[in-house]
Amino acid sequence: MKRYGILNSEITKVLTDLGHTDMIVIADAGLPIPIGVKKIDLAIKPGSPAFKEVLEAVADDMVIEKVIMACEIEESNPQTAQFLKETFIDTPQMKVTHEEFKKLTQQAKAIIRTGEITPYANCILQSGVFF
């Protein structure tokens, strides 16, 4: 049995298989999942697990070189926007329209669906390398 880090075997497998510039998505409960993209559904009930909780766990276990979010988050969900800004203070951040964000999710290796029910609580994490 694994002692540290993420215990979810599907998430661990996806993170282990990521290469440089591959992307995964941490999503709220409402983000559409494109056909052909692996969905890891963690949602239990509205709000659980929370976006922040899942994002923190994944960020602790992944080399992240860029974070992408919808620009609409600033106005519609300033608390989550601030959380992302502070969590990834030393990581380049990119904002795109929500429509462009949804198009980018088609390239993701996986989308991890949380139970989050606040607007635009989604981000794309682009994999970096540790060397």
N, C-alpha and C. Protein backbone atom coordinates (compact mmCIF):
# COMPACT_ATOMS: atom_id res chain seq x y z
N MET A 1 0.84 -1.19 0.00
CA MET A 1 0.00 0.00 0.00
C MET A 1 0.88 1.24 0.00
N LYS A 2 0.47 2.23 -0.77
CA LYS A 2 1.19 3.50 -0.86
C LYS A 2 1.05 4.25 0.47
N ARG A 3 2.12 4.86 0.92
CA ARG A 3 2.12 5.54 2.22
C ARG A 3 1.85 7.03 2.10
N TYR A 4 2.36 7.69 1.06
CA TYR A 4 2.27 9.14 0.93
C TYR A 4 1.67 9.53 -0.40
N GLY A 5 1.27 10.79 -0.48
CA GLY A 5 0.75 11.32 -1.74
C GLY A 5 -0.66 10.85 -2.01
N ILE A 6 -1.02 10.88 -3.26
CA ILE A 6 -2.37 10.52 -3.69
C ILE A 6 -2.56 9.02 -3.61
N LEU A 7 -3.65 8.61 -2.97
CA LEU A 7 -3.96 7.19 -2.85
C LEU A 7 -4.84 6.69 -3.99
N ASN A 8 -5.55 7.58 -4.67
CA ASN A 8 -6.41 7.18 -5.78
C ASN A 8 -5.56 6.59 -6.89
N SER A 9 -5.78 5.33 -7.21
CA SER A 9 -4.92 4.64 -8.17
C SER A 9 -5.04 5.20 -9.59
N GLU A 10 -6.23 5.66 -9.98
CA GLU A 10 -6.39 6.23 -11.32
C GLU A 10 -5.61 7.54 -11.47
N ILE A 11 -5.68 8.39 -10.46
CA ILE A 11 -4.94 9.66 -10.51
C ILE A 11 -3.44 9.40 -10.49
N THR A 12 -3.01 8.50 -9.63
CA THR A 12 -1.59 8.16 -9.54
C THR A 12 -1.08 7.64 -10.89
N LYS A 13 -1.84 6.80 -11.55
CA LYS A 13 -1.45 6.26 -12.86
C LYS A 13 -1.33 7.37 -13.89
N VAL A 14 -2.31 8.27 -13.93
CA VAL A 14 -2.26 9.38 -14.89
C VAL A 14 -1.04 10.25 -14.65
N LEU A 15 -0.78 10.61 -13.39
CA LEU A 15 0.37 11.47 -13.08
C LEU A 15 1.69 10.78 -13.45
N THR A 16 1.78 9.49 -13.20
CA THR A 16 2.99 8.75 -13.52
C THR A 16 3.24 8.69 -15.02
N ASP A 17 2.17 8.67 -15.80
CA ASP A 17 2.29 8.55 -17.25
C ASP A 17 2.49 9.89 -17.97
N LEU A 18 2.37 11.01 -17.27
CA LEU A 18 2.50 12.31 -17.92
C LEU A 18 3.91 12.55 -18.43
N GLY A 19 3.98 13.16 -19.60
CA GLY A 19 5.25 13.63 -20.16
C GLY A 19 5.25 15.14 -20.16
N HIS A 20 6.38 15.72 -20.54
CA HIS A 20 6.53 17.16 -20.59
C HIS A 20 5.47 17.78 -21.51
N THR A 21 4.78 18.77 -21.02
CA THR A 21 3.71 19.54 -21.66
C THR A 21 2.36 18.82 -21.73
N ASP A 22 2.27 17.58 -21.27
CA ASP A 22 0.95 16.94 -21.19
C ASP A 22 0.09 17.71 -20.20
N MET A 23 -1.22 17.61 -20.37
CA MET A 23 -2.13 18.38 -19.53
C MET A 23 -3.17 17.49 -18.85
N ILE A 24 -3.51 17.89 -17.62
CA ILE A 24 -4.67 17.32 -16.94
C ILE A 24 -5.54 18.48 -16.49
N VAL A 25 -6.80 18.19 -16.21
CA VAL A 25 -7.75 19.20 -15.79
C VAL A 25 -8.30 18.84 -14.42
N ILE A 26 -8.36 19.83 -13.54
CA ILE A 26 -9.10 19.69 -12.29
C ILE A 26 -10.38 20.48 -12.52
N ALA A 27 -11.53 19.82 -12.43
CA ALA A 27 -12.77 20.42 -12.87
C ALA A 27 -13.84 20.46 -11.78
N ASP A 28 -14.72 21.44 -11.93
CA ASP A 28 -15.90 21.47 -11.09
C ASP A 28 -16.89 20.42 -11.58
N ALA A 29 -18.00 20.29 -10.90
CA ALA A 29 -18.97 19.24 -11.23
C ALA A 29 -19.66 19.46 -12.57
N GLY A 30 -19.63 20.69 -13.10
CA GLY A 30 -20.38 20.98 -14.31
C GLY A 30 -19.60 21.05 -15.60
N LEU A 31 -18.28 20.99 -15.54
CA LEU A 31 -17.49 21.11 -16.77
C LEU A 31 -17.78 19.94 -17.70
N PRO A 32 -18.11 20.20 -18.98
CA PRO A 32 -18.34 19.10 -19.90
C PRO A 32 -17.04 18.31 -20.15
N ILE A 33 -17.18 17.01 -20.25
CA ILE A 33 -16.03 16.13 -20.49
C ILE A 33 -16.05 15.75 -21.97
N PRO A 34 -15.00 16.12 -22.72
CA PRO A 34 -14.99 15.78 -24.14
C PRO A 34 -14.95 14.26 -24.36
N ILE A 35 -15.56 13.83 -25.44
CA ILE A 35 -15.54 12.41 -25.81
C ILE A 35 -14.09 12.00 -26.03
N GLY A 36 -13.72 10.88 -25.45
CA GLY A 36 -12.38 10.34 -25.64
C GLY A 36 -11.37 10.76 -24.58
N VAL A 37 -11.73 11.71 -23.72
CA VAL A 37 -10.83 12.11 -22.63
C VAL A 37 -11.21 11.34 -21.38
N LYS A 38 -10.22 10.77 -20.73
CA LYS A 38 -10.46 9.99 -19.51
C LYS A 38 -11.04 10.89 -18.42
N LYS A 39 -12.13 10.43 -17.81
CA LYS A 39 -12.74 11.14 -16.69
C LYS A 39 -12.51 10.34 -15.41
N ILE A 40 -11.93 11.01 -14.42
CA ILE A 40 -11.78 10.41 -13.10
C ILE A 40 -12.77 11.17 -12.21
N ASP A 41 -13.86 10.53 -11.89
CA ASP A 41 -14.96 11.20 -11.20
C ASP A 41 -14.84 10.97 -9.69
N LEU A 42 -14.52 12.06 -8.99
CA LEU A 42 -14.41 12.00 -7.53
C LEU A 42 -15.65 12.56 -6.84
N ALA A 43 -16.56 13.17 -7.60
CA ALA A 43 -17.72 13.85 -7.02
C ALA A 43 -18.58 12.87 -6.21
N ILE A 44 -18.87 13.27 -4.97
CA ILE A 44 -19.70 12.46 -4.09
C ILE A 44 -21.06 13.12 -3.89
N LYS A 45 -21.01 14.41 -3.63
CA LYS A 45 -22.21 15.22 -3.44
C LYS A 45 -21.81 16.67 -3.72
N PRO A 46 -22.78 17.57 -3.86
CA PRO A 46 -22.41 18.96 -4.14
C PRO A 46 -21.40 19.50 -3.11
N GLY A 47 -20.27 19.95 -3.62
CA GLY A 47 -19.23 20.53 -2.78
C GLY A 47 -18.18 19.55 -2.28
N SER A 48 -18.35 18.28 -2.54
CA SER A 48 -17.43 17.28 -1.99
C SER A 48 -16.99 16.27 -3.05
N PRO A 49 -15.69 16.09 -3.21
CA PRO A 49 -14.63 16.88 -2.62
C PRO A 49 -14.53 18.24 -3.28
N ALA A 50 -13.98 19.17 -2.55
CA ALA A 50 -13.84 20.54 -3.03
C ALA A 50 -12.71 20.64 -4.06
N PHE A 51 -12.84 21.58 -4.97
CA PHE A 51 -11.82 21.87 -5.97
C PHE A 51 -10.47 22.11 -5.32
N LYS A 52 -10.45 22.96 -4.29
CA LYS A 52 -9.18 23.32 -3.63
C LYS A 52 -8.49 22.10 -3.05
N GLU A 53 -9.25 21.22 -2.41
CA GLU A 53 -8.67 20.02 -1.78
C GLU A 53 -8.02 19.11 -2.83
N VAL A 54 -8.72 18.89 -3.91
CA VAL A 54 -8.18 18.02 -4.97
C VAL A 54 -6.98 18.68 -5.64
N LEU A 55 -7.09 19.96 -5.94
CA LEU A 55 -5.99 20.67 -6.59
C LEU A 55 -4.72 20.64 -5.73
N GLU A 56 -4.86 20.87 -4.44
CA GLU A 56 -3.69 20.84 -3.55
C GLU A 56 -3.03 19.47 -3.56
N ALA A 57 -3.82 18.42 -3.52
CA ALA A 57 -3.26 17.06 -3.51
C ALA A 57 -2.52 16.77 -4.81
N VAL A 58 -3.12 17.14 -5.93
CA VAL A 58 -2.48 16.89 -7.23
C VAL A 58 -1.22 17.75 -7.36
N ALA A 59 -1.30 19.01 -6.98
CA ALA A 59 -0.14 19.90 -7.09
C ALA A 59 1.03 19.43 -6.24
N ASP A 60 0.76 18.79 -5.12
CA ASP A 60 1.83 18.25 -4.27
C ASP A 60 2.53 17.07 -4.93
N ASP A 61 1.86 16.43 -5.88
CA ASP A 61 2.37 15.19 -6.47
C ASP A 61 2.80 15.35 -7.93
N MET A 62 2.78 16.57 -8.46
CA MET A 62 3.00 16.78 -9.89
C MET A 62 3.95 17.95 -10.13
N VAL A 63 4.81 17.81 -11.14
CA VAL A 63 5.63 18.93 -11.59
C VAL A 63 4.77 19.74 -12.56
N ILE A 64 4.50 20.99 -12.21
CA ILE A 64 3.61 21.83 -13.01
C ILE A 64 4.40 23.00 -13.57
N GLU A 65 4.36 23.16 -14.90
CA GLU A 65 5.08 24.27 -15.50
C GLU A 65 4.16 25.42 -15.92
N LYS A 66 2.86 25.15 -16.02
CA LYS A 66 1.92 26.22 -16.38
C LYS A 66 0.52 25.85 -15.91
N VAL A 67 -0.24 26.87 -15.51
CA VAL A 67 -1.63 26.70 -15.09
C VAL A 67 -2.48 27.56 -16.02
N ILE A 68 -3.54 26.95 -16.54
CA ILE A 68 -4.45 27.65 -17.44
C ILE A 68 -5.84 27.67 -16.81
N MET A 69 -6.48 28.84 -16.85
CA MET A 69 -7.83 28.97 -16.30
C MET A 69 -8.64 29.89 -17.18
N ALA A 70 -9.94 29.88 -16.98
CA ALA A 70 -10.83 30.78 -17.73
C ALA A 70 -10.75 32.18 -17.15
N CYS A 71 -10.69 33.17 -18.02
CA CYS A 71 -10.61 34.56 -17.54
C CYS A 71 -11.88 34.96 -16.79
N GLU A 72 -12.98 34.31 -17.05
CA GLU A 72 -14.24 34.61 -16.36
C GLU A 72 -14.18 34.34 -14.86
N ILE A 73 -13.20 33.56 -14.41
CA ILE A 73 -13.08 33.25 -12.99
C ILE A 73 -12.86 34.50 -12.14
N GLU A 74 -12.16 35.48 -12.70
CA GLU A 74 -11.85 36.70 -11.94
C GLU A 74 -13.11 37.39 -11.43
N GLU A 75 -14.11 37.52 -12.28
CA GLU A 75 -15.34 38.22 -11.91
C GLU A 75 -16.35 37.30 -11.23
N SER A 76 -16.46 36.06 -11.72
CA SER A 76 -17.51 35.17 -11.25
C SER A 76 -17.15 34.36 -10.01
N ASN A 77 -15.84 34.21 -9.73
CA ASN A 77 -15.41 33.40 -8.59
C ASN A 77 -14.08 33.95 -8.07
N PRO A 78 -14.08 35.19 -7.53
CA PRO A 78 -12.82 35.82 -7.13
C PRO A 78 -12.07 35.06 -6.03
N GLN A 79 -12.78 34.33 -5.18
CA GLN A 79 -12.10 33.58 -4.12
C GLN A 79 -11.23 32.47 -4.71
N THR A 80 -11.77 31.75 -5.67
CA THR A 80 -11.00 30.68 -6.30
C THR A 80 -9.89 31.26 -7.17
N ALA A 81 -10.17 32.39 -7.83
CA ALA A 81 -9.12 33.06 -8.62
C ALA A 81 -7.94 33.43 -7.73
N GLN A 82 -8.22 33.97 -6.56
CA GLN A 82 -7.17 34.35 -5.62
C GLN A 82 -6.42 33.12 -5.12
N PHE A 83 -7.15 32.05 -4.82
CA PHE A 83 -6.53 30.80 -4.38
C PHE A 83 -5.54 30.30 -5.44
N LEU A 84 -5.95 30.30 -6.71
CA LEU A 84 -5.06 29.85 -7.78
C LEU A 84 -3.84 30.75 -7.91
N LYS A 85 -4.05 32.04 -7.82
CA LYS A 85 -2.94 33.00 -7.92
C LYS A 85 -1.92 32.75 -6.81
N GLU A 86 -2.40 32.54 -5.59
CA GLU A 86 -1.50 32.32 -4.44
C GLU A 86 -0.86 30.94 -4.47
N THR A 87 -1.61 29.93 -4.87
CA THR A 87 -1.09 28.56 -4.90
C THR A 87 0.03 28.43 -5.93
N PHE A 88 -0.13 29.11 -7.05
CA PHE A 88 0.83 28.99 -8.14
C PHE A 88 1.60 30.29 -8.36
N ILE A 89 1.97 30.93 -7.28
CA ILE A 89 2.65 32.23 -7.34
C ILE A 89 3.94 32.18 -8.16
N ASP A 90 4.65 31.06 -8.14
CA ASP A 90 5.91 30.93 -8.87
C ASP A 90 5.76 30.15 -10.18
N THR A 91 4.53 29.94 -10.62
CA THR A 91 4.25 29.17 -11.83
C THR A 91 3.55 30.08 -12.84
N PRO A 92 3.99 30.07 -14.08
CA PRO A 92 3.29 30.89 -15.09
C PRO A 92 1.81 30.52 -15.16
N GLN A 93 0.97 31.55 -15.24
CA GLN A 93 -0.48 31.37 -15.32
C GLN A 93 -0.98 32.01 -16.60
N MET A 94 -1.92 31.34 -17.23
CA MET A 94 -2.48 31.84 -18.48
C MET A 94 -4.00 31.84 -18.36
N LYS A 95 -4.62 32.90 -18.86
CA LYS A 95 -6.08 32.97 -18.85
C LYS A 95 -6.58 33.00 -20.29
N VAL A 96 -7.61 32.21 -20.53
CA VAL A 96 -8.25 32.13 -21.83
C VAL A 96 -9.76 32.24 -21.61
N THR A 97 -10.52 32.48 -22.64
CA THR A 97 -11.97 32.48 -22.48
C THR A 97 -12.44 31.08 -22.09
N HIS A 98 -13.61 31.02 -21.49
CA HIS A 98 -14.14 29.71 -21.08
C HIS A 98 -14.35 28.81 -22.30
N GLU A 99 -14.75 29.40 -23.41
CA GLU A 99 -14.92 28.60 -24.63
C GLU A 99 -13.59 28.01 -25.09
N GLU A 100 -12.52 28.82 -25.06
CA GLU A 100 -11.20 28.32 -25.42
C GLU A 100 -10.73 27.27 -24.41
N PHE A 101 -11.02 27.50 -23.14
CA PHE A 101 -10.67 26.54 -22.09
C PHE A 101 -11.28 25.17 -22.41
N LYS A 102 -12.58 25.17 -22.74
CA LYS A 102 -13.25 23.90 -23.05
C LYS A 102 -12.61 23.22 -24.26
N LYS A 103 -12.17 24.00 -25.25
CA LYS A 103 -11.48 23.41 -26.41
C LYS A 103 -10.15 22.78 -25.98
N LEU A 104 -9.43 23.45 -25.09
CA LEU A 104 -8.15 22.91 -24.62
C LEU A 104 -8.33 21.61 -23.85
N THR A 105 -9.46 21.43 -23.18
CA THR A 105 -9.67 20.19 -22.41
C THR A 105 -9.70 18.97 -23.31
N GLN A 106 -9.96 19.16 -24.59
CA GLN A 106 -9.96 18.04 -25.54
C GLN A 106 -8.57 17.42 -25.67
N GLN A 107 -7.52 18.17 -25.31
CA GLN A 107 -6.14 17.68 -25.40
C GLN A 107 -5.66 17.05 -24.09
N ALA A 108 -6.47 17.11 -23.06
CA ALA A 108 -6.05 16.62 -21.74
C ALA A 108 -5.92 15.11 -21.73
N LYS A 109 -4.97 14.64 -20.93
CA LYS A 109 -4.82 13.20 -20.71
C LYS A 109 -5.92 12.68 -19.79
N ALA A 110 -6.41 13.57 -18.91
CA ALA A 110 -7.50 13.18 -17.99
C ALA A 110 -8.14 14.44 -17.42
N ILE A 111 -9.40 14.29 -17.05
CA ILE A 111 -10.12 15.33 -16.33
C ILE A 111 -10.56 14.74 -15.01
N ILE A 112 -10.12 15.38 -13.94
CA ILE A 112 -10.50 14.94 -12.59
C ILE A 112 -11.69 15.79 -12.16
N ARG A 113 -12.85 15.17 -12.05
CA ARG A 113 -14.09 15.87 -11.71
C ARG A 113 -14.28 15.88 -10.20
N THR A 114 -14.40 17.08 -9.65
CA THR A 114 -14.65 17.23 -8.22
C THR A 114 -16.14 17.46 -8.00
N GLY A 115 -16.52 17.63 -6.75
CA GLY A 115 -17.91 17.96 -6.43
C GLY A 115 -18.15 19.45 -6.34
N GLU A 116 -17.16 20.24 -6.73
CA GLU A 116 -17.24 21.70 -6.63
C GLU A 116 -18.42 22.24 -7.43
N ILE A 117 -19.15 23.19 -6.83
CA ILE A 117 -20.31 23.76 -7.51
C ILE A 117 -20.25 25.29 -7.55
N THR A 118 -19.05 25.85 -7.56
CA THR A 118 -18.90 27.29 -7.75
C THR A 118 -18.47 27.54 -9.19
N PRO A 119 -18.81 28.71 -9.75
CA PRO A 119 -18.54 28.97 -11.17
C PRO A 119 -17.05 29.00 -11.52
N TYR A 120 -16.74 28.40 -12.65
CA TYR A 120 -15.40 28.44 -13.25
C TYR A 120 -14.29 27.89 -12.34
N ALA A 121 -14.63 27.01 -11.44
CA ALA A 121 -13.62 26.39 -10.58
C ALA A 121 -12.99 25.23 -11.35
N ASN A 122 -12.19 25.59 -12.33
CA ASN A 122 -11.52 24.63 -13.21
C ASN A 122 -10.12 25.16 -13.52
N CYS A 123 -9.19 24.26 -13.72
CA CYS A 123 -7.89 24.68 -14.23
C CYS A 123 -7.23 23.53 -14.97
N ILE A 124 -6.40 23.91 -15.90
CA ILE A 124 -5.59 22.95 -16.64
C ILE A 124 -4.18 23.05 -16.07
N LEU A 125 -3.61 21.91 -15.75
CA LEU A 125 -2.23 21.85 -15.25
C LEU A 125 -1.37 21.24 -16.34
N GLN A 126 -0.38 22.00 -16.79
CA GLN A 126 0.54 21.50 -17.80
C GLN A 126 1.78 20.94 -17.12
N SER A 127 2.10 19.73 -17.47
CA SER A 127 3.20 19.02 -16.83
C SER A 127 4.56 19.59 -17.23
N GLY A 128 5.42 19.70 -16.24
CA GLY A 128 6.79 20.09 -16.46
C GLY A 128 7.69 18.89 -16.24
N VAL A 129 8.98 19.16 -16.08
CA VAL A 129 9.94 18.10 -15.76
C VAL A 129 10.71 18.53 -14.53
N PHE A 130 11.21 17.57 -13.77
CA PHE A 130 11.93 17.89 -12.55
C PHE A 130 13.43 18.03 -12.76
N PHE A 131 13.89 17.91 -13.98
CA PHE A 131 15.32 18.08 -14.27
C PHE A 131 15.55 19.18 -15.25
